[in-house]
């Protein structure tokens, strides 16, 4: 028995630790960018007059807590949008779009998004529209949002299933930019 205990003490502690699952790996990759901001470009779905095309697009991984990551998404001078990612106890992620007026109050259409149906991949997390979104925005019932991440880039994507609607913004993770001011409704 003493020999077995001695042997167990010699095994490195990380031998016992379970490897991270894909959603945790994605989360860790994103958290590595906490506090940094990146400029993006529309690579799919941009059209003149859509409110995004021709404007400076910036994401700021502003806040990284154990179970919540907040990423303001600035469109020109518009600081109304924040992506809120949450990780539940089953390691399933959800996405909400927090929209605020300049005075910090919530817009009428806010807190929409979805929850992943599984743990996803370490470089891809998908969020089909949830019941709250479907109730608030019936046309968005078939929306699927997803994020990708790798060493080079982070993308935000929206596809409306059953239509031609696809919107993708790619952010260059190799080129951090100056940290922007706080999004509307948040204090520095």
N, C-alpha and C. Protein backbone atom coordinates (compact mmCIF):
# COMPACT_ATOMS: atom_id res chain seq x y z
N UNK A 1 0.83 -1.20 0.00
CA UNK A 1 0.00 0.00 0.00
C UNK A 1 0.87 1.25 0.00
N UNK A 2 1.96 1.24 0.83
CA UNK A 2 2.84 2.41 0.88
C UNK A 2 3.47 2.67 -0.49
N UNK A 3 3.79 1.61 -1.21
CA UNK A 3 4.40 1.76 -2.54
C UNK A 3 3.41 2.43 -3.50
N UNK A 4 2.15 2.06 -3.42
CA UNK A 4 1.14 2.67 -4.28
C UNK A 4 0.97 4.15 -3.97
N UNK A 5 0.90 4.49 -2.70
CA UNK A 5 0.79 5.90 -2.30
C UNK A 5 2.01 6.69 -2.76
N UNK A 6 3.20 6.11 -2.62
CA UNK A 6 4.41 6.78 -3.06
C UNK A 6 4.37 7.03 -4.57
N UNK A 7 3.91 6.02 -5.34
CA UNK A 7 3.81 6.14 -6.78
C UNK A 7 2.82 7.26 -7.16
N UNK A 8 1.67 7.30 -6.49
CA UNK A 8 0.67 8.31 -6.79
C UNK A 8 1.18 9.72 -6.51
N UNK A 9 2.03 9.87 -5.51
CA UNK A 9 2.60 11.17 -5.20
C UNK A 9 3.59 11.64 -6.26
N UNK A 10 4.17 10.71 -7.00
CA UNK A 10 5.14 11.06 -8.04
C UNK A 10 4.48 11.51 -9.35
N UNK A 11 3.20 11.20 -9.53
CA UNK A 11 2.50 11.58 -10.77
C UNK A 11 2.23 13.07 -10.73
N UNK A 12 2.59 13.80 -11.78
CA UNK A 12 2.32 15.25 -11.81
C UNK A 12 0.84 15.53 -11.62
N UNK A 13 0.54 16.62 -10.93
CA UNK A 13 -0.84 16.98 -10.64
C UNK A 13 -1.66 17.22 -11.90
N UNK A 14 -1.03 17.76 -12.95
CA UNK A 14 -1.81 18.03 -14.16
C UNK A 14 -2.24 16.74 -14.87
N UNK A 15 -1.65 15.61 -14.47
CA UNK A 15 -2.08 14.32 -14.99
C UNK A 15 -3.54 14.07 -14.62
N UNK A 16 -3.92 14.52 -13.42
CA UNK A 16 -5.28 14.30 -12.94
C UNK A 16 -6.27 15.30 -13.53
N UNK A 17 -5.79 16.44 -13.92
CA UNK A 17 -6.69 17.48 -14.44
C UNK A 17 -7.25 17.06 -15.79
N UNK A 18 -8.53 17.20 -15.94
CA UNK A 18 -9.18 16.89 -17.20
C UNK A 18 -8.85 17.99 -18.20
N UNK A 19 -8.59 17.61 -19.45
CA UNK A 19 -8.35 18.61 -20.48
C UNK A 19 -9.57 19.50 -20.63
N UNK A 20 -9.34 20.72 -21.07
CA UNK A 20 -10.45 21.62 -21.33
C UNK A 20 -11.28 21.10 -22.49
N UNK A 21 -12.58 21.33 -22.40
CA UNK A 21 -13.46 20.97 -23.51
C UNK A 21 -13.47 22.14 -24.48
N UNK A 22 -13.99 21.94 -25.70
CA UNK A 22 -13.92 22.99 -26.72
C UNK A 22 -14.44 24.36 -26.30
N UNK A 23 -15.58 24.42 -25.62
CA UNK A 23 -16.11 25.73 -25.23
C UNK A 23 -15.16 26.44 -24.26
N UNK A 24 -14.51 25.69 -23.39
CA UNK A 24 -13.54 26.28 -22.46
C UNK A 24 -12.30 26.77 -23.20
N UNK A 25 -11.88 26.03 -24.21
CA UNK A 25 -10.72 26.46 -25.02
C UNK A 25 -11.05 27.75 -25.76
N UNK A 26 -12.26 27.82 -26.34
CA UNK A 26 -12.69 29.05 -27.02
C UNK A 26 -12.67 30.20 -26.02
N UNK A 27 -13.26 29.99 -24.87
CA UNK A 27 -13.33 31.00 -23.81
C UNK A 27 -11.94 31.49 -23.44
N UNK A 28 -11.01 30.56 -23.25
CA UNK A 28 -9.64 30.93 -22.89
C UNK A 28 -8.96 31.75 -23.98
N UNK A 29 -9.17 31.37 -25.23
CA UNK A 29 -8.59 32.13 -26.34
C UNK A 29 -9.11 33.56 -26.35
N UNK A 30 -10.41 33.71 -26.12
CA UNK A 30 -11.01 35.04 -26.12
C UNK A 30 -10.53 35.85 -24.92
N UNK A 31 -10.47 35.23 -23.75
CA UNK A 31 -10.02 35.93 -22.55
C UNK A 31 -8.58 36.42 -22.68
N UNK A 32 -7.78 35.76 -23.49
CA UNK A 32 -6.39 36.19 -23.71
C UNK A 32 -6.33 37.59 -24.32
N UNK A 33 -7.44 38.05 -24.89
CA UNK A 33 -7.50 39.38 -25.52
C UNK A 33 -8.17 40.42 -24.63
N UNK A 34 -8.45 40.04 -23.40
CA UNK A 34 -9.16 40.95 -22.50
C UNK A 34 -8.40 42.26 -22.35
N UNK A 35 -9.14 43.36 -22.45
CA UNK A 35 -8.56 44.69 -22.35
C UNK A 35 -8.09 45.26 -23.68
N UNK A 36 -8.06 44.44 -24.70
CA UNK A 36 -7.57 44.89 -26.01
C UNK A 36 -8.72 45.20 -26.95
N UNK A 37 -8.43 46.06 -27.92
CA UNK A 37 -9.41 46.45 -28.94
C UNK A 37 -8.81 46.20 -30.32
N UNK A 38 -9.70 45.89 -31.28
CA UNK A 38 -9.26 45.57 -32.63
C UNK A 38 -10.23 46.18 -33.64
N UNK A 39 -9.67 46.61 -34.76
CA UNK A 39 -10.50 47.15 -35.83
C UNK A 39 -10.92 46.02 -36.75
N UNK A 40 -12.13 46.16 -37.30
CA UNK A 40 -12.66 45.13 -38.18
C UNK A 40 -13.06 45.66 -39.53
N UNK A 41 -13.39 44.72 -40.39
CA UNK A 41 -13.90 45.06 -41.71
C UNK A 41 -15.00 44.08 -42.08
N UNK A 42 -15.99 44.57 -42.79
CA UNK A 42 -17.07 43.71 -43.26
C UNK A 42 -16.51 42.88 -44.40
N UNK A 43 -16.65 41.57 -44.28
CA UNK A 43 -16.18 40.70 -45.37
C UNK A 43 -17.34 40.00 -46.08
N UNK A 44 -18.55 40.16 -45.53
CA UNK A 44 -19.73 39.61 -46.18
C UNK A 44 -20.97 40.36 -45.73
N UNK A 45 -21.81 40.71 -46.67
CA UNK A 45 -23.11 41.26 -46.35
C UNK A 45 -23.22 42.76 -46.22
N UNK A 46 -22.14 43.47 -46.37
CA UNK A 46 -22.21 44.92 -46.27
C UNK A 46 -22.76 45.55 -47.53
N UNK A 47 -23.69 46.50 -47.36
CA UNK A 47 -24.23 47.25 -48.50
C UNK A 47 -24.38 48.70 -48.09
N UNK A 48 -24.27 49.59 -49.04
CA UNK A 48 -24.41 51.01 -48.75
C UNK A 48 -25.73 51.28 -48.04
N UNK A 49 -25.67 52.10 -47.00
CA UNK A 49 -26.86 52.48 -46.27
C UNK A 49 -27.28 51.51 -45.18
N UNK A 50 -26.49 50.47 -44.93
CA UNK A 50 -26.86 49.49 -43.91
C UNK A 50 -26.51 49.93 -42.49
N UNK A 51 -25.85 51.08 -42.36
CA UNK A 51 -25.46 51.58 -41.04
C UNK A 51 -24.10 51.09 -40.58
N UNK A 52 -23.49 50.16 -41.31
CA UNK A 52 -22.18 49.62 -40.96
C UNK A 52 -21.13 49.94 -42.02
N UNK A 53 -21.50 49.81 -43.28
CA UNK A 53 -20.57 49.98 -44.39
C UNK A 53 -20.00 51.39 -44.40
N UNK A 54 -18.68 51.47 -44.53
CA UNK A 54 -18.00 52.76 -44.59
C UNK A 54 -17.69 53.36 -43.23
N UNK A 55 -18.04 52.68 -42.15
CA UNK A 55 -17.77 53.19 -40.81
C UNK A 55 -16.65 52.39 -40.16
N UNK A 56 -15.96 53.02 -39.23
CA UNK A 56 -14.93 52.33 -38.48
C UNK A 56 -15.61 51.34 -37.54
N UNK A 57 -15.20 50.07 -37.62
CA UNK A 57 -15.78 49.00 -36.81
C UNK A 57 -14.72 48.54 -35.80
N UNK A 58 -15.08 48.57 -34.52
CA UNK A 58 -14.13 48.23 -33.45
C UNK A 58 -14.79 47.31 -32.45
N UNK A 59 -14.06 46.26 -32.07
CA UNK A 59 -14.48 45.42 -30.95
C UNK A 59 -13.48 45.64 -29.81
N UNK A 60 -13.99 45.64 -28.59
CA UNK A 60 -13.15 45.84 -27.40
C UNK A 60 -13.51 44.75 -26.40
N UNK A 61 -12.59 43.82 -26.17
CA UNK A 61 -12.83 42.77 -25.18
C UNK A 61 -12.63 43.46 -23.82
N UNK A 62 -13.68 44.09 -23.37
CA UNK A 62 -13.62 45.02 -22.25
C UNK A 62 -13.61 44.37 -20.88
N UNK A 63 -14.41 43.34 -20.70
CA UNK A 63 -14.61 42.76 -19.38
C UNK A 63 -14.61 41.25 -19.46
N UNK A 64 -13.77 40.62 -18.66
CA UNK A 64 -13.67 39.15 -18.65
C UNK A 64 -13.80 38.65 -17.22
N UNK A 65 -14.97 38.16 -16.91
CA UNK A 65 -15.20 37.56 -15.60
C UNK A 65 -15.22 36.05 -15.77
N UNK A 66 -15.36 35.31 -14.67
CA UNK A 66 -15.36 33.85 -14.77
C UNK A 66 -16.39 33.33 -15.76
N UNK A 67 -17.61 33.86 -15.72
CA UNK A 67 -18.68 33.32 -16.55
C UNK A 67 -19.29 34.33 -17.52
N UNK A 68 -18.71 35.52 -17.61
CA UNK A 68 -19.24 36.55 -18.51
C UNK A 68 -18.10 37.32 -19.18
N UNK A 69 -18.19 37.44 -20.49
CA UNK A 69 -17.26 38.28 -21.26
C UNK A 69 -18.12 39.32 -21.98
N UNK A 70 -17.76 40.59 -21.83
CA UNK A 70 -18.48 41.69 -22.47
C UNK A 70 -17.58 42.31 -23.53
N UNK A 71 -18.11 42.38 -24.76
CA UNK A 71 -17.36 42.91 -25.90
C UNK A 71 -18.17 44.01 -26.57
N UNK A 72 -17.90 45.27 -26.23
CA UNK A 72 -18.55 46.35 -26.97
C UNK A 72 -18.14 46.30 -28.45
N UNK A 73 -19.11 46.59 -29.32
CA UNK A 73 -18.89 46.63 -30.76
C UNK A 73 -19.31 48.03 -31.22
N UNK A 74 -18.31 48.84 -31.57
CA UNK A 74 -18.54 50.22 -31.96
C UNK A 74 -18.64 50.33 -33.48
N UNK A 75 -19.62 51.07 -33.93
CA UNK A 75 -19.84 51.33 -35.36
C UNK A 75 -19.74 52.84 -35.53
N UNK A 76 -18.57 53.30 -36.00
CA UNK A 76 -18.34 54.74 -36.06
C UNK A 76 -18.41 55.32 -34.66
N UNK A 77 -19.21 56.35 -34.48
CA UNK A 77 -19.38 56.98 -33.16
C UNK A 77 -20.48 56.31 -32.33
N UNK A 78 -21.16 55.35 -32.90
CA UNK A 78 -22.25 54.64 -32.22
C UNK A 78 -21.66 53.61 -31.26
N UNK A 79 -21.89 53.85 -29.97
CA UNK A 79 -21.36 52.95 -28.92
C UNK A 79 -22.50 52.21 -28.22
N UNK A 80 -23.56 51.89 -28.98
CA UNK A 80 -24.77 51.31 -28.39
C UNK A 80 -24.73 49.80 -28.21
N UNK A 81 -23.81 49.11 -28.87
CA UNK A 81 -23.86 47.65 -28.93
C UNK A 81 -22.78 46.99 -28.06
N UNK A 82 -23.20 45.96 -27.31
CA UNK A 82 -22.24 45.12 -26.58
C UNK A 82 -22.67 43.67 -26.73
N UNK A 83 -21.72 42.82 -27.12
CA UNK A 83 -21.97 41.38 -27.15
C UNK A 83 -21.67 40.86 -25.76
N UNK A 84 -22.59 40.12 -25.19
CA UNK A 84 -22.41 39.55 -23.86
C UNK A 84 -22.42 38.03 -23.98
N UNK A 85 -21.27 37.44 -23.72
CA UNK A 85 -21.14 35.98 -23.75
C UNK A 85 -21.17 35.47 -22.32
N UNK A 86 -21.92 34.40 -22.11
CA UNK A 86 -21.96 33.78 -20.78
C UNK A 86 -21.73 32.29 -20.92
N UNK A 87 -21.08 31.73 -19.90
CA UNK A 87 -20.80 30.29 -19.85
C UNK A 87 -21.57 29.72 -18.67
N UNK A 88 -22.44 28.74 -18.92
CA UNK A 88 -23.18 28.16 -17.80
C UNK A 88 -22.40 27.00 -17.17
N UNK A 89 -22.96 26.39 -16.16
CA UNK A 89 -22.26 25.35 -15.42
C UNK A 89 -22.00 24.09 -16.26
N UNK A 90 -22.76 23.92 -17.35
CA UNK A 90 -22.55 22.78 -18.24
C UNK A 90 -21.54 23.10 -19.34
N UNK A 91 -20.93 24.29 -19.26
CA UNK A 91 -19.94 24.76 -20.24
C UNK A 91 -20.56 25.04 -21.60
N UNK A 92 -21.84 25.39 -21.58
CA UNK A 92 -22.56 25.81 -22.78
C UNK A 92 -22.59 27.33 -22.77
N UNK A 93 -22.34 27.93 -23.93
CA UNK A 93 -22.27 29.38 -24.01
C UNK A 93 -23.56 29.98 -24.57
N UNK A 94 -23.83 31.21 -24.14
CA UNK A 94 -24.95 31.97 -24.70
C UNK A 94 -24.44 33.34 -25.14
N UNK A 95 -25.16 33.95 -26.06
CA UNK A 95 -24.84 35.27 -26.58
C UNK A 95 -26.07 36.15 -26.46
N UNK A 96 -25.88 37.34 -25.94
CA UNK A 96 -26.93 38.36 -25.92
C UNK A 96 -26.35 39.63 -26.54
N UNK A 97 -27.21 40.37 -27.21
CA UNK A 97 -26.86 41.67 -27.78
C UNK A 97 -27.48 42.72 -26.86
N UNK A 98 -26.64 43.44 -26.14
CA UNK A 98 -27.08 44.48 -25.22
C UNK A 98 -27.02 45.81 -25.97
N UNK A 99 -28.19 46.40 -26.24
CA UNK A 99 -28.27 47.67 -26.98
C UNK A 99 -28.73 48.77 -26.04
N UNK A 100 -27.98 49.90 -26.05
CA UNK A 100 -28.26 51.02 -25.15
C UNK A 100 -28.37 52.32 -25.93
N UNK A 101 -29.18 53.22 -25.39
CA UNK A 101 -29.23 54.59 -25.90
C UNK A 101 -28.02 55.34 -25.33
N UNK A 102 -27.74 56.52 -25.88
CA UNK A 102 -26.60 57.33 -25.42
C UNK A 102 -26.70 57.67 -23.94
N UNK A 103 -27.93 57.73 -23.38
CA UNK A 103 -28.09 58.03 -21.95
C UNK A 103 -27.93 56.79 -21.07
N UNK A 104 -27.67 55.63 -21.70
CA UNK A 104 -27.43 54.41 -20.95
C UNK A 104 -28.65 53.52 -20.76
N UNK A 105 -29.83 54.02 -21.08
CA UNK A 105 -31.03 53.19 -20.94
C UNK A 105 -31.09 52.16 -22.07
N UNK A 106 -31.74 51.05 -21.79
CA UNK A 106 -31.86 50.00 -22.79
C UNK A 106 -32.75 50.44 -23.95
N UNK A 107 -32.35 50.05 -25.15
CA UNK A 107 -33.20 50.26 -26.31
C UNK A 107 -34.37 49.30 -26.24
N UNK A 108 -35.39 49.55 -27.04
CA UNK A 108 -36.56 48.67 -27.06
C UNK A 108 -36.17 47.26 -27.51
N UNK A 109 -35.33 47.17 -28.53
CA UNK A 109 -34.87 45.87 -29.01
C UNK A 109 -33.48 45.63 -28.45
N UNK A 110 -33.42 44.79 -27.43
CA UNK A 110 -32.16 44.49 -26.75
C UNK A 110 -32.25 43.11 -26.10
N UNK A 111 -31.12 42.61 -25.70
CA UNK A 111 -31.00 41.32 -25.01
C UNK A 111 -31.48 40.14 -25.87
N UNK A 112 -31.36 40.29 -27.17
CA UNK A 112 -31.69 39.18 -28.06
C UNK A 112 -30.43 38.38 -28.34
N UNK A 113 -30.59 37.15 -28.77
CA UNK A 113 -29.45 36.28 -29.06
C UNK A 113 -29.86 34.83 -29.00
N UNK A 114 -28.94 34.01 -28.52
CA UNK A 114 -29.22 32.58 -28.47
C UNK A 114 -28.25 31.84 -27.59
N UNK A 115 -28.51 30.55 -27.45
CA UNK A 115 -27.68 29.66 -26.64
C UNK A 115 -27.19 28.52 -27.52
N UNK A 116 -25.93 28.20 -27.38
CA UNK A 116 -25.37 27.10 -28.14
C UNK A 116 -26.07 25.80 -27.76
N UNK A 117 -26.25 24.91 -28.71
CA UNK A 117 -26.91 23.64 -28.42
C UNK A 117 -25.93 22.58 -27.92
N UNK A 118 -24.63 22.92 -27.95
CA UNK A 118 -23.61 21.98 -27.48
C UNK A 118 -22.35 22.75 -27.11
N UNK A 119 -21.24 22.05 -26.87
CA UNK A 119 -20.00 22.72 -26.45
C UNK A 119 -19.22 23.32 -27.60
N UNK A 120 -19.69 23.15 -28.82
CA UNK A 120 -19.06 23.78 -29.98
C UNK A 120 -17.66 23.27 -30.24
N UNK A 121 -16.88 24.11 -30.88
CA UNK A 121 -15.49 23.80 -31.20
C UNK A 121 -14.60 24.84 -30.54
N UNK A 122 -13.35 24.55 -30.39
CA UNK A 122 -12.44 25.49 -29.73
C UNK A 122 -12.25 26.77 -30.51
N UNK A 123 -12.58 26.77 -31.80
CA UNK A 123 -12.44 27.98 -32.61
C UNK A 123 -13.77 28.44 -33.23
N UNK A 124 -14.89 27.84 -32.79
CA UNK A 124 -16.20 28.18 -33.35
C UNK A 124 -17.29 27.93 -32.31
N UNK A 125 -18.11 28.96 -32.07
CA UNK A 125 -19.26 28.82 -31.19
C UNK A 125 -20.47 29.39 -31.92
N UNK A 126 -21.57 28.62 -31.95
CA UNK A 126 -22.78 29.01 -32.68
C UNK A 126 -23.94 29.21 -31.72
N UNK A 127 -24.80 30.19 -32.07
CA UNK A 127 -25.90 30.58 -31.19
C UNK A 127 -27.19 30.73 -31.98
N UNK A 128 -28.00 29.67 -32.09
CA UNK A 128 -29.30 29.83 -32.76
C UNK A 128 -30.23 30.68 -31.91
N UNK A 129 -31.09 31.44 -32.55
CA UNK A 129 -32.01 32.34 -31.84
C UNK A 129 -32.79 31.59 -30.77
N UNK A 130 -32.91 32.23 -29.61
CA UNK A 130 -33.65 31.62 -28.50
C UNK A 130 -35.11 32.08 -28.51
N UNK A 131 -35.90 31.57 -27.57
CA UNK A 131 -37.33 31.87 -27.51
C UNK A 131 -37.58 33.36 -27.27
N UNK A 132 -36.77 33.99 -26.42
CA UNK A 132 -36.92 35.44 -26.16
C UNK A 132 -36.75 36.23 -27.45
N UNK A 133 -35.75 35.87 -28.21
CA UNK A 133 -35.48 36.56 -29.49
C UNK A 133 -36.64 36.36 -30.46
N UNK A 134 -37.11 35.13 -30.57
CA UNK A 134 -38.21 34.81 -31.48
C UNK A 134 -39.48 35.58 -31.12
N UNK A 135 -39.72 35.72 -29.82
CA UNK A 135 -40.90 36.46 -29.37
C UNK A 135 -40.77 37.95 -29.66
N UNK A 136 -39.57 38.50 -29.41
CA UNK A 136 -39.34 39.93 -29.60
C UNK A 136 -39.22 40.30 -31.08
N UNK A 137 -38.55 39.45 -31.84
CA UNK A 137 -38.26 39.71 -33.25
C UNK A 137 -38.64 38.49 -34.08
N UNK A 138 -39.90 38.31 -34.41
CA UNK A 138 -40.33 37.11 -35.14
C UNK A 138 -39.50 36.83 -36.41
N UNK A 139 -39.08 37.88 -37.11
CA UNK A 139 -38.28 37.67 -38.32
C UNK A 139 -36.91 37.07 -38.01
N UNK A 140 -36.46 37.20 -36.76
CA UNK A 140 -35.15 36.68 -36.36
C UNK A 140 -35.22 35.26 -35.82
N UNK A 141 -36.37 34.62 -35.92
CA UNK A 141 -36.55 33.26 -35.39
C UNK A 141 -35.57 32.27 -35.99
N UNK A 142 -35.13 32.52 -37.23
CA UNK A 142 -34.19 31.60 -37.88
C UNK A 142 -32.76 32.14 -37.89
N UNK A 143 -32.51 33.17 -37.09
CA UNK A 143 -31.14 33.71 -37.01
C UNK A 143 -30.21 32.72 -36.32
N UNK A 144 -29.00 32.66 -36.83
CA UNK A 144 -27.92 31.94 -36.16
C UNK A 144 -26.73 32.88 -36.16
N UNK A 145 -26.22 33.16 -34.96
CA UNK A 145 -25.01 33.96 -34.82
C UNK A 145 -23.88 33.01 -34.50
N UNK A 146 -22.66 33.36 -34.93
CA UNK A 146 -21.51 32.58 -34.52
C UNK A 146 -20.28 33.45 -34.51
N UNK A 147 -19.35 33.02 -33.66
CA UNK A 147 -18.04 33.65 -33.55
C UNK A 147 -17.00 32.61 -33.93
N UNK A 148 -15.95 33.07 -34.60
CA UNK A 148 -14.77 32.23 -34.81
C UNK A 148 -13.58 32.96 -34.22
N UNK A 149 -12.59 32.19 -33.83
CA UNK A 149 -11.35 32.78 -33.31
C UNK A 149 -10.19 31.87 -33.66
N UNK A 150 -9.08 32.48 -34.04
CA UNK A 150 -7.81 31.77 -34.21
C UNK A 150 -6.71 32.77 -33.90
N UNK A 151 -5.47 32.42 -34.17
CA UNK A 151 -4.36 33.31 -33.83
C UNK A 151 -4.38 34.61 -34.63
N UNK A 152 -5.04 34.61 -35.77
CA UNK A 152 -5.03 35.76 -36.67
C UNK A 152 -6.25 36.66 -36.55
N UNK A 153 -7.42 36.06 -36.32
CA UNK A 153 -8.64 36.85 -36.41
C UNK A 153 -9.77 36.36 -35.50
N UNK A 154 -10.73 37.25 -35.33
CA UNK A 154 -11.98 36.97 -34.63
C UNK A 154 -13.08 37.43 -35.57
N UNK A 155 -14.11 36.61 -35.76
CA UNK A 155 -15.22 37.03 -36.61
C UNK A 155 -16.54 36.97 -35.86
N UNK A 156 -17.40 37.91 -36.21
CA UNK A 156 -18.79 37.93 -35.77
C UNK A 156 -19.61 37.68 -37.02
N UNK A 157 -20.55 36.75 -36.93
CA UNK A 157 -21.31 36.33 -38.10
C UNK A 157 -22.80 36.23 -37.76
N UNK A 158 -23.63 36.56 -38.74
CA UNK A 158 -25.07 36.40 -38.62
C UNK A 158 -25.59 35.82 -39.92
N UNK A 159 -26.34 34.73 -39.81
CA UNK A 159 -27.01 34.13 -40.97
C UNK A 159 -28.48 33.99 -40.61
N UNK A 160 -29.34 34.44 -41.50
CA UNK A 160 -30.78 34.21 -41.34
C UNK A 160 -31.12 33.03 -42.24
N UNK A 161 -31.37 31.87 -41.62
CA UNK A 161 -31.66 30.65 -42.36
C UNK A 161 -32.92 30.87 -43.21
N UNK A 162 -32.87 30.38 -44.45
CA UNK A 162 -34.00 30.53 -45.36
C UNK A 162 -33.98 31.83 -46.13
N UNK A 163 -32.89 32.58 -46.00
CA UNK A 163 -32.75 33.82 -46.76
C UNK A 163 -31.31 33.94 -47.23
N UNK A 164 -31.06 34.99 -47.99
CA UNK A 164 -29.69 35.25 -48.45
C UNK A 164 -28.90 36.06 -47.44
N UNK A 165 -29.51 36.41 -46.33
CA UNK A 165 -28.87 37.29 -45.36
C UNK A 165 -27.68 36.62 -44.68
N UNK A 166 -26.53 37.22 -44.87
CA UNK A 166 -25.29 36.80 -44.21
C UNK A 166 -24.50 38.07 -43.93
N UNK A 167 -24.04 38.22 -42.71
CA UNK A 167 -23.25 39.39 -42.32
C UNK A 167 -22.06 38.89 -41.54
N UNK A 168 -20.86 39.29 -41.96
CA UNK A 168 -19.62 38.87 -41.29
C UNK A 168 -18.68 40.06 -41.16
N UNK A 169 -18.19 40.25 -39.94
CA UNK A 169 -17.15 41.24 -39.68
C UNK A 169 -15.94 40.49 -39.15
N UNK A 170 -14.79 40.75 -39.76
CA UNK A 170 -13.53 40.11 -39.35
C UNK A 170 -12.66 41.15 -38.67
N UNK A 171 -12.13 40.79 -37.49
CA UNK A 171 -11.24 41.65 -36.73
C UNK A 171 -9.84 41.06 -36.74
N UNK A 172 -8.85 41.89 -37.01
CA UNK A 172 -7.45 41.47 -37.08
C UNK A 172 -6.86 41.45 -35.68
N UNK A 173 -6.62 40.25 -35.13
CA UNK A 173 -6.09 40.11 -33.78
C UNK A 173 -4.59 40.34 -33.70
N UNK A 174 -3.94 40.56 -34.83
CA UNK A 174 -2.50 40.86 -34.83
C UNK A 174 -2.22 42.34 -34.64
N UNK A 175 -3.27 43.16 -34.68
CA UNK A 175 -3.09 44.61 -34.68
C UNK A 175 -4.00 45.26 -33.64
N UNK A 176 -3.61 45.24 -32.37
CA UNK A 176 -4.41 45.92 -31.34
C UNK A 176 -4.38 47.42 -31.61
N UNK A 177 -5.49 48.08 -31.30
CA UNK A 177 -5.59 49.52 -31.49
C UNK A 177 -5.84 50.19 -30.13
N UNK A 178 -5.86 51.50 -30.11
CA UNK A 178 -6.10 52.23 -28.87
C UNK A 178 -7.45 51.82 -28.27
N UNK A 179 -7.48 51.67 -26.97
CA UNK A 179 -8.69 51.28 -26.27
C UNK A 179 -9.73 52.40 -26.37
N UNK A 180 -10.92 52.10 -26.84
CA UNK A 180 -11.96 53.13 -26.97
C UNK A 180 -12.57 53.48 -25.61
N UNK A 181 -13.35 54.54 -25.59
CA UNK A 181 -14.06 54.91 -24.37
C UNK A 181 -15.17 53.87 -24.12
N UNK A 182 -15.80 53.99 -22.99
CA UNK A 182 -16.81 53.01 -22.58
C UNK A 182 -18.02 53.03 -23.50
N UNK A 183 -18.68 51.87 -23.66
CA UNK A 183 -19.93 51.85 -24.42
C UNK A 183 -21.01 52.59 -23.63
N UNK A 184 -22.04 52.98 -24.32
CA UNK A 184 -23.14 53.68 -23.66
C UNK A 184 -23.71 52.78 -22.57
N UNK A 185 -23.97 53.36 -21.42
CA UNK A 185 -24.53 52.63 -20.29
C UNK A 185 -23.51 52.01 -19.37
N UNK A 186 -22.21 52.21 -19.69
CA UNK A 186 -21.12 51.66 -18.87
C UNK A 186 -20.21 52.79 -18.45
N UNK A 187 -19.78 52.75 -17.21
CA UNK A 187 -18.85 53.77 -16.72
C UNK A 187 -17.43 53.22 -16.74
N UNK A 188 -16.46 54.11 -17.04
CA UNK A 188 -15.05 53.71 -17.00
C UNK A 188 -14.59 53.54 -15.57
